[in-house]
Amino acid sequence: MSRQAVTKHLVLLEEANLVVTVKRGREKLHYLNPVPINEIYMRWIGKFERKQVQALYNLKLALQENEHE
């Protein structure tokens, strides 16, 4: 990937508020912004994951009940 392509991608991520930049002299440091990334996760992935976690929890309870019987 060329340097110009990386720069374009970083600009887009910065405009989307997914990346925060800090300038130090000639350096421009890029950091992930966890808040919007977490919001995206919860909106798109979290709702599917909840069902799987609940199913695993139910399985655990069922197995524990069988152990006690």
PDB file of N, CA and C in Angstrom:
ATOM      1  N   MET A   1       0.851  -1.157   0.000  1.00  0.00           N
ATOM      2  CA  MET A   1       0.000   0.000   0.000  1.00  0.00           C
ATOM      3  C   MET A   1       0.907   1.234   0.000  1.00  0.00           C
ATOM      4  N   SER A   2       0.596   2.172  -0.846  1.00  0.00           N
ATOM      5  CA  SER A   2       1.442   3.357  -0.943  1.00  0.00           C
ATOM      6  C   SER A   2       1.199   4.302   0.239  1.00  0.00           C
ATOM      7  N   ARG A   3       2.141   5.176   0.452  1.00  0.00           N
ATOM      8  CA  ARG A   3       2.035   6.149   1.535  1.00  0.00           C
ATOM      9  C   ARG A   3       0.832   7.065   1.325  1.00  0.00           C
ATOM     10  N   GLN A   4       0.588   7.435   0.082  1.00  0.00           N
ATOM     11  CA  GLN A   4      -0.551   8.306  -0.237  1.00  0.00           C
ATOM     12  C   GLN A   4      -1.881   7.598   0.060  1.00  0.00           C
ATOM     13  N   ALA A   5      -1.944   6.304  -0.226  1.00  0.00           N
ATOM     14  CA  ALA A   5      -3.171   5.547   0.053  1.00  0.00           C
ATOM     15  C   ALA A   5      -3.421   5.458   1.555  1.00  0.00           C
ATOM     16  N   VAL A   6      -2.372   5.236   2.324  1.00  0.00           N
ATOM     17  CA  VAL A   6      -2.509   5.191   3.788  1.00  0.00           C
ATOM     18  C   VAL A   6      -2.991   6.538   4.310  1.00  0.00           C
ATOM     19  N   THR A   7      -2.424   7.609   3.783  1.00  0.00           N
ATOM     20  CA  THR A   7      -2.814   8.953   4.207  1.00  0.00           C
ATOM     21  C   THR A   7      -4.289   9.202   3.914  1.00  0.00           C
ATOM     22  N   LYS A   8      -4.768   8.790   2.746  1.00  0.00           N
ATOM     23  CA  LYS A   8      -6.184   8.966   2.405  1.00  0.00           C
ATOM     24  C   LYS A   8      -7.074   8.187   3.361  1.00  0.00           C
ATOM     25  N   HIS A   9      -6.680   6.958   3.674  1.00  0.00           N
ATOM     26  CA  HIS A   9      -7.469   6.155   4.598  1.00  0.00           C
ATOM     27  C   HIS A   9      -7.501   6.789   5.990  1.00  0.00           C
ATOM     28  N   LEU A  10      -6.366   7.278   6.443  1.00  0.00           N
ATOM     29  CA  LEU A  10      -6.316   7.902   7.762  1.00  0.00           C
ATOM     30  C   LEU A  10      -7.170   9.164   7.814  1.00  0.00           C
ATOM     31  N   VAL A  11      -7.187   9.928   6.736  1.00  0.00           N
ATOM     32  CA  VAL A  11      -8.024  11.140   6.673  1.00  0.00           C
ATOM     33  C   VAL A  11      -9.497  10.757   6.780  1.00  0.00           C
ATOM     34  N   LEU A  12      -9.904   9.717   6.070  1.00  0.00           N
ATOM     35  CA  LEU A  12     -11.300   9.272   6.138  1.00  0.00           C
ATOM     36  C   LEU A  12     -11.665   8.798   7.536  1.00  0.00           C
ATOM     37  N   LEU A  13     -10.769   8.039   8.161  1.00  0.00           N
ATOM     38  CA  LEU A  13     -11.024   7.568   9.523  1.00  0.00           C
ATOM     39  C   LEU A  13     -11.095   8.733  10.504  1.00  0.00           C
ATOM     40  N   GLU A  14     -10.271   9.736  10.287  1.00  0.00           N
ATOM     41  CA  GLU A  14     -10.284  10.920  11.142  1.00  0.00           C
ATOM     42  C   GLU A  14     -11.584  11.696  10.962  1.00  0.00           C
ATOM     43  N   GLU A  15     -12.051  11.845   9.722  1.00  0.00           N
ATOM     44  CA  GLU A  15     -13.311  12.545   9.456  1.00  0.00           C
ATOM     45  C   GLU A  15     -14.499  11.800  10.064  1.00  0.00           C
ATOM     46  N   ALA A  16     -14.406  10.480  10.121  1.00  0.00           N
ATOM     47  CA  ALA A  16     -15.472   9.661  10.709  1.00  0.00           C
ATOM     48  C   ALA A  16     -15.368   9.597  12.228  1.00  0.00           C
ATOM     49  N   ASN A  17     -14.379  10.264  12.799  1.00  0.00           N
ATOM     50  CA  ASN A  17     -14.136  10.300  14.243  1.00  0.00           C
ATOM     51  C   ASN A  17     -13.774   8.921  14.799  1.00  0.00           C
ATOM     52  N   LEU A  18     -13.228   8.052  13.967  1.00  0.00           N
ATOM     53  CA  LEU A  18     -12.782   6.737  14.421  1.00  0.00           C
ATOM     54  C   LEU A  18     -11.321   6.755  14.831  1.00  0.00           C
ATOM     55  N   VAL A  19     -10.617   7.800  14.402  1.00  0.00           N
ATOM     56  CA  VAL A  19      -9.201   7.962  14.724  1.00  0.00           C
ATOM     57  C   VAL A  19      -8.994   9.384  15.225  1.00  0.00           C
ATOM     58  N   VAL A  20      -8.224   9.516  16.287  1.00  0.00           N
ATOM     59  CA  VAL A  20      -7.868  10.824  16.842  1.00  0.00           C
ATOM     60  C   VAL A  20      -6.393  11.057  16.547  1.00  0.00           C
ATOM     61  N   THR A  21      -6.054  12.275  16.134  1.00  0.00           N
ATOM     62  CA  THR A  21      -4.655  12.571  15.830  1.00  0.00           C
ATOM     63  C   THR A  21      -4.092  13.568  16.833  1.00  0.00           C
ATOM     64  N   VAL A  22      -2.797  13.407  17.087  1.00  0.00           N
ATOM     65  CA  VAL A  22      -2.065  14.313  17.962  1.00  0.00           C
ATOM     66  C   VAL A  22      -0.790  14.692  17.223  1.00  0.00           C
ATOM     67  N   LYS A  23      -0.557  15.984  17.094  1.00  0.00           N
ATOM     68  CA  LYS A  23       0.653  16.435  16.413  1.00  0.00           C
ATOM     69  C   LYS A  23       1.729  16.734  17.439  1.00  0.00           C
ATOM     70  N   ARG A  24       2.912  16.179  17.199  1.00  0.00           N
ATOM     71  CA  ARG A  24       4.088  16.434  18.034  1.00  0.00           C
ATOM     72  C   ARG A  24       5.225  16.813  17.107  1.00  0.00           C
ATOM     73  N   GLY A  25       5.449  18.106  16.977  1.00  0.00           N
ATOM     74  CA  GLY A  25       6.493  18.549  16.060  1.00  0.00           C
ATOM     75  C   GLY A  25       6.152  18.147  14.640  1.00  0.00           C
ATOM     76  N   ARG A  26       7.042  17.384  14.016  1.00  0.00           N
ATOM     77  CA  ARG A  26       6.814  16.933  12.640  1.00  0.00           C
ATOM     78  C   ARG A  26       5.994  15.653  12.594  1.00  0.00           C
ATOM     79  N   GLU A  27       5.788  15.017  13.741  1.00  0.00           N
ATOM     80  CA  GLU A  27       5.049  13.762  13.799  1.00  0.00           C
ATOM     81  C   GLU A  27       3.550  14.018  13.933  1.00  0.00           C
ATOM     82  N   LYS A  28       2.781  13.130  13.347  1.00  0.00           N
ATOM     83  CA  LYS A  28       1.334  13.149  13.517  1.00  0.00           C
ATOM     84  C   LYS A  28       0.945  11.743  13.958  1.00  0.00           C
ATOM     85  N   LEU A  29       0.604  11.626  15.230  1.00  0.00           N
ATOM     86  CA  LEU A  29       0.285  10.323  15.799  1.00  0.00           C
ATOM     87  C   LEU A  29      -1.208  10.052  15.683  1.00  0.00           C
ATOM     88  N   HIS A  30      -1.557   8.817  15.364  1.00  0.00           N
ATOM     89  CA  HIS A  30      -2.953   8.418  15.195  1.00  0.00           C
ATOM     90  C   HIS A  30      -3.311   7.389  16.256  1.00  0.00           C
ATOM     91  N   TYR A  31      -4.452   7.618  16.908  1.00  0.00           N
ATOM     92  CA  TYR A  31      -4.948   6.712  17.940  1.00  0.00           C
ATOM     93  C   TYR A  31      -6.390   6.341  17.625  1.00  0.00           C
ATOM     94  N   LEU A  32      -6.742   5.086  17.895  1.00  0.00           N
ATOM     95  CA  LEU A  32      -8.125   4.675  17.725  1.00  0.00           C
ATOM     96  C   LEU A  32      -8.990   5.377  18.754  1.00  0.00           C
ATOM     97  N   ASN A  33     -10.167   5.800  18.341  1.00  0.00           N
ATOM     98  CA  ASN A  33     -11.137   6.399  19.240  1.00  0.00           C
ATOM     99  C   ASN A  33     -12.097   5.286  19.660  1.00  0.00           C
ATOM    100  N   PRO A  34     -12.003   4.783  20.896  1.00  0.00           N
ATOM    101  CA  PRO A  34     -12.772   3.600  21.285  1.00  0.00           C
ATOM    102  C   PRO A  34     -14.274   3.831  21.420  1.00  0.00           C
ATOM    103  N   VAL A  35     -14.712   5.056  21.664  1.00  0.00           N
ATOM    104  CA  VAL A  35     -16.135   5.298  21.912  1.00  0.00           C
ATOM    105  C   VAL A  35     -16.985   4.984  20.671  1.00  0.00           C
ATOM    106  N   PRO A  36     -16.722   5.596  19.519  1.00  0.00           N
ATOM    107  CA  PRO A  36     -17.566   5.256  18.362  1.00  0.00           C
ATOM    108  C   PRO A  36     -17.363   3.818  17.888  1.00  0.00           C
ATOM    109  N   ILE A  37     -16.168   3.278  18.075  1.00  0.00           N
ATOM    110  CA  ILE A  37     -15.930   1.894  17.681  1.00  0.00           C
ATOM    111  C   ILE A  37     -16.776   0.965  18.552  1.00  0.00           C
ATOM    112  N   ASN A  38     -16.875   1.257  19.845  1.00  0.00           N
ATOM    113  CA  ASN A  38     -17.720   0.459  20.733  1.00  0.00           C
ATOM    114  C   ASN A  38     -19.189   0.608  20.359  1.00  0.00           C
ATOM    115  N   GLU A  39     -19.610   1.810  19.990  1.00  0.00           N
ATOM    116  CA  GLU A  39     -20.999   2.020  19.579  1.00  0.00           C
ATOM    117  C   GLU A  39     -21.325   1.204  18.336  1.00  0.00           C
ATOM    118  N   ILE A  40     -20.406   1.166  17.395  1.00  0.00           N
ATOM    119  CA  ILE A  40     -20.597   0.362  16.186  1.00  0.00           C
ATOM    120  C   ILE A  40     -20.686  -1.105  16.567  1.00  0.00           C
ATOM    121  N   TYR A  41     -19.801  -1.543  17.442  1.00  0.00           N
ATOM    122  CA  TYR A  41     -19.803  -2.941  17.896  1.00  0.00           C
ATOM    123  C   TYR A  41     -21.148  -3.303  18.515  1.00  0.00           C
ATOM    124  N   MET A  42     -21.619  -2.465  19.430  1.00  0.00           N
ATOM    125  CA  MET A  42     -22.867  -2.763  20.123  1.00  0.00           C
ATOM    126  C   MET A  42     -24.052  -2.762  19.153  1.00  0.00           C
ATOM    127  N   ARG A  43     -24.024  -1.864  18.183  1.00  0.00           N
ATOM    128  CA  ARG A  43     -25.134  -1.756  17.240  1.00  0.00           C
ATOM    129  C   ARG A  43     -25.165  -2.916  16.252  1.00  0.00           C
ATOM    130  N   TRP A  44     -23.999  -3.328  15.763  1.00  0.00           N
ATOM    131  CA  TRP A  44     -23.954  -4.304  14.678  1.00  0.00           C
ATOM    132  C   TRP A  44     -23.605  -5.713  15.126  1.00  0.00           C
ATOM    133  N   ILE A  45     -22.749  -5.863  16.091  1.00  0.00           N
ATOM    134  CA  ILE A  45     -22.284  -7.195  16.473  1.00  0.00           C
ATOM    135  C   ILE A  45     -22.896  -7.623  17.803  1.00  0.00           C
ATOM    136  N   GLY A  46     -22.999  -6.713  18.727  1.00  0.00           N
ATOM    137  CA  GLY A  46     -23.476  -7.031  20.066  1.00  0.00           C
ATOM    138  C   GLY A  46     -24.823  -7.717  20.100  1.00  0.00           C
ATOM    139  N   LYS A  47     -25.761  -7.289  19.242  1.00  0.00           N
ATOM    140  CA  LYS A  47     -27.095  -7.881  19.283  1.00  0.00           C
ATOM    141  C   LYS A  47     -27.082  -9.351  18.875  1.00  0.00           C
ATOM    142  N   PHE A  48     -26.159  -9.753  18.006  1.00  0.00           N
ATOM    143  CA  PHE A  48     -26.047 -11.155  17.620  1.00  0.00           C
ATOM    144  C   PHE A  48     -25.315 -11.953  18.689  1.00  0.00           C
ATOM    145  N   GLU A  49     -24.355 -11.322  19.315  1.00  0.00           N
ATOM    146  CA  GLU A  49     -23.566 -12.000  20.331  1.00  0.00           C
ATOM    147  C   GLU A  49     -24.391 -12.293  21.576  1.00  0.00           C
ATOM    148  N   ARG A  50     -25.301 -11.430  21.917  1.00  0.00           N
ATOM    149  CA  ARG A  50     -26.110 -11.616  23.120  1.00  0.00           C
ATOM    150  C   ARG A  50     -26.847 -12.948  23.096  1.00  0.00           C
ATOM    151  N   LYS A  51     -27.413 -13.305  21.950  1.00  0.00           N
ATOM    152  CA  LYS A  51     -28.151 -14.564  21.844  1.00  0.00           C
ATOM    153  C   LYS A  51     -27.224 -15.753  22.058  1.00  0.00           C
ATOM    154  N   GLN A  52     -26.017 -15.681  21.508  1.00  0.00           N
ATOM    155  CA  GLN A  52     -25.071 -16.778  21.677  1.00  0.00           C
ATOM    156  C   GLN A  52     -24.625 -16.904  23.128  1.00  0.00           C
ATOM    157  N   VAL A  53     -24.355 -15.792  23.772  1.00  0.00           N
ATOM    158  CA  VAL A  53     -23.932 -15.822  25.173  1.00  0.00           C
ATOM    159  C   VAL A  53     -25.065 -16.361  26.037  1.00  0.00           C
ATOM    160  N   GLN A  54     -26.294 -15.945  25.763  1.00  0.00           N
ATOM    161  CA  GLN A  54     -27.438 -16.446  26.527  1.00  0.00           C
ATOM    162  C   GLN A  54     -27.607 -17.944  26.311  1.00  0.00           C
ATOM    163  N   ALA A  55     -27.412 -18.427  25.088  1.00  0.00           N
ATOM    164  CA  ALA A  55     -27.527 -19.866  24.804  1.00  0.00           C
ATOM    165  C   ALA A  55     -26.454 -20.654  25.553  1.00  0.00           C
ATOM    166  N   LEU A  56     -25.239 -20.136  25.595  1.00  0.00           N
ATOM    167  CA  LEU A  56     -24.174 -20.807  26.347  1.00  0.00           C
ATOM    168  C   LEU A  56     -24.476 -20.829  27.841  1.00  0.00           C
ATOM    169  N   TYR A  57     -25.014 -19.748  28.354  1.00  0.00           N
ATOM    170  CA  TYR A  57     -25.374 -19.682  29.769  1.00  0.00           C
ATOM    171  C   TYR A  57     -26.476 -20.700  30.090  1.00  0.00           C
ATOM    172  N   ASN A  58     -27.482 -20.777  29.212  1.00  0.00           N
ATOM    173  CA  ASN A  58     -28.553 -21.746  29.411  1.00  0.00           C
ATOM    174  C   ASN A  58     -28.022 -23.172  29.367  1.00  0.00           C
ATOM    175  N   LEU A  59     -27.095 -23.436  28.458  1.00  0.00           N
ATOM    176  CA  LEU A  59     -26.471 -24.760  28.373  1.00  0.00           C
ATOM    177  C   LEU A  59     -25.721 -25.083  29.658  1.00  0.00           C
ATOM    178  N   LYS A  60     -24.989 -24.115  30.168  1.00  0.00           N
ATOM    179  CA  LYS A  60     -24.247 -24.308  31.416  1.00  0.00           C
ATOM    180  C   LYS A  60     -25.194 -24.659  32.560  1.00  0.00           C
ATOM    181  N   LEU A  61     -26.292 -23.924  32.670  1.00  0.00           N
ATOM    182  CA  LEU A  61     -27.260 -24.207  33.730  1.00  0.00           C
ATOM    183  C   LEU A  61     -27.855 -25.600  33.577  1.00  0.00           C
ATOM    184  N   ALA A  62     -28.191 -25.988  32.346  1.00  0.00           N
ATOM    185  CA  ALA A  62     -28.766 -27.305  32.106  1.00  0.00           C
ATOM    186  C   ALA A  62     -27.775 -28.406  32.477  1.00  0.00           C
ATOM    187  N   LEU A  63     -26.520 -28.223  32.132  1.00  0.00           N
ATOM    188  CA  LEU A  63     -25.498 -29.223  32.458  1.00  0.00           C
ATOM    189  C   LEU A  63     -25.290 -29.307  33.970  1.00  0.00           C
ATOM    190  N   GLN A  64     -25.320 -28.173  34.650  1.00  0.00           N
ATOM    191  CA  GLN A  64     -25.150 -28.186  36.101  1.00  0.00           C
ATOM    192  C   GLN A  64     -26.333 -28.887  36.780  1.00  0.00           C
ATOM    193  N   GLU A  65     -27.529 -28.700  36.240  1.00  0.00           N
ATOM    194  CA  GLU A  65     -28.706 -29.381  36.795  1.00  0.00           C
ATOM    195  C   GLU A  65     -28.580 -30.884  36.625  1.00  0.00           C
ATOM    196  N   ASN A  66     -28.066 -31.318  35.475  1.00  0.00           N
ATOM    197  CA  ASN A  66     -27.895 -32.748  35.219  1.00  0.00           C
ATOM    198  C   ASN A  66     -26.845 -33.354  36.143  1.00  0.00           C
ATOM    199  N   GLU A  67     -25.826 -32.593  36.496  1.00  0.00           N
ATOM    200  CA  GLU A  67     -24.791 -33.084  37.416  1.00  0.00           C
ATOM    201  C   GLU A  67     -25.368 -33.340  38.795  1.00  0.00           C
ATOM    202  N   HIS A  68     -26.274 -32.486  39.231  1.00  0.00           N
ATOM    203  CA  HIS A  68     -26.846 -32.585  40.575  1.00  0.00           C
ATOM    204  C   HIS A  68     -27.873 -33.711  40.673  1.00  0.00           C
ATOM    205  N   GLU A  69     -28.404 -34.160  39.564  1.00  0.00           N
ATOM    206  CA  GLU A  69     -29.437 -35.216  39.596  1.00  0.00           C
ATOM    207  C   GLU A  69     -28.836 -36.587  39.633  1.00  0.00           C
TER     208      GLU A  69
END
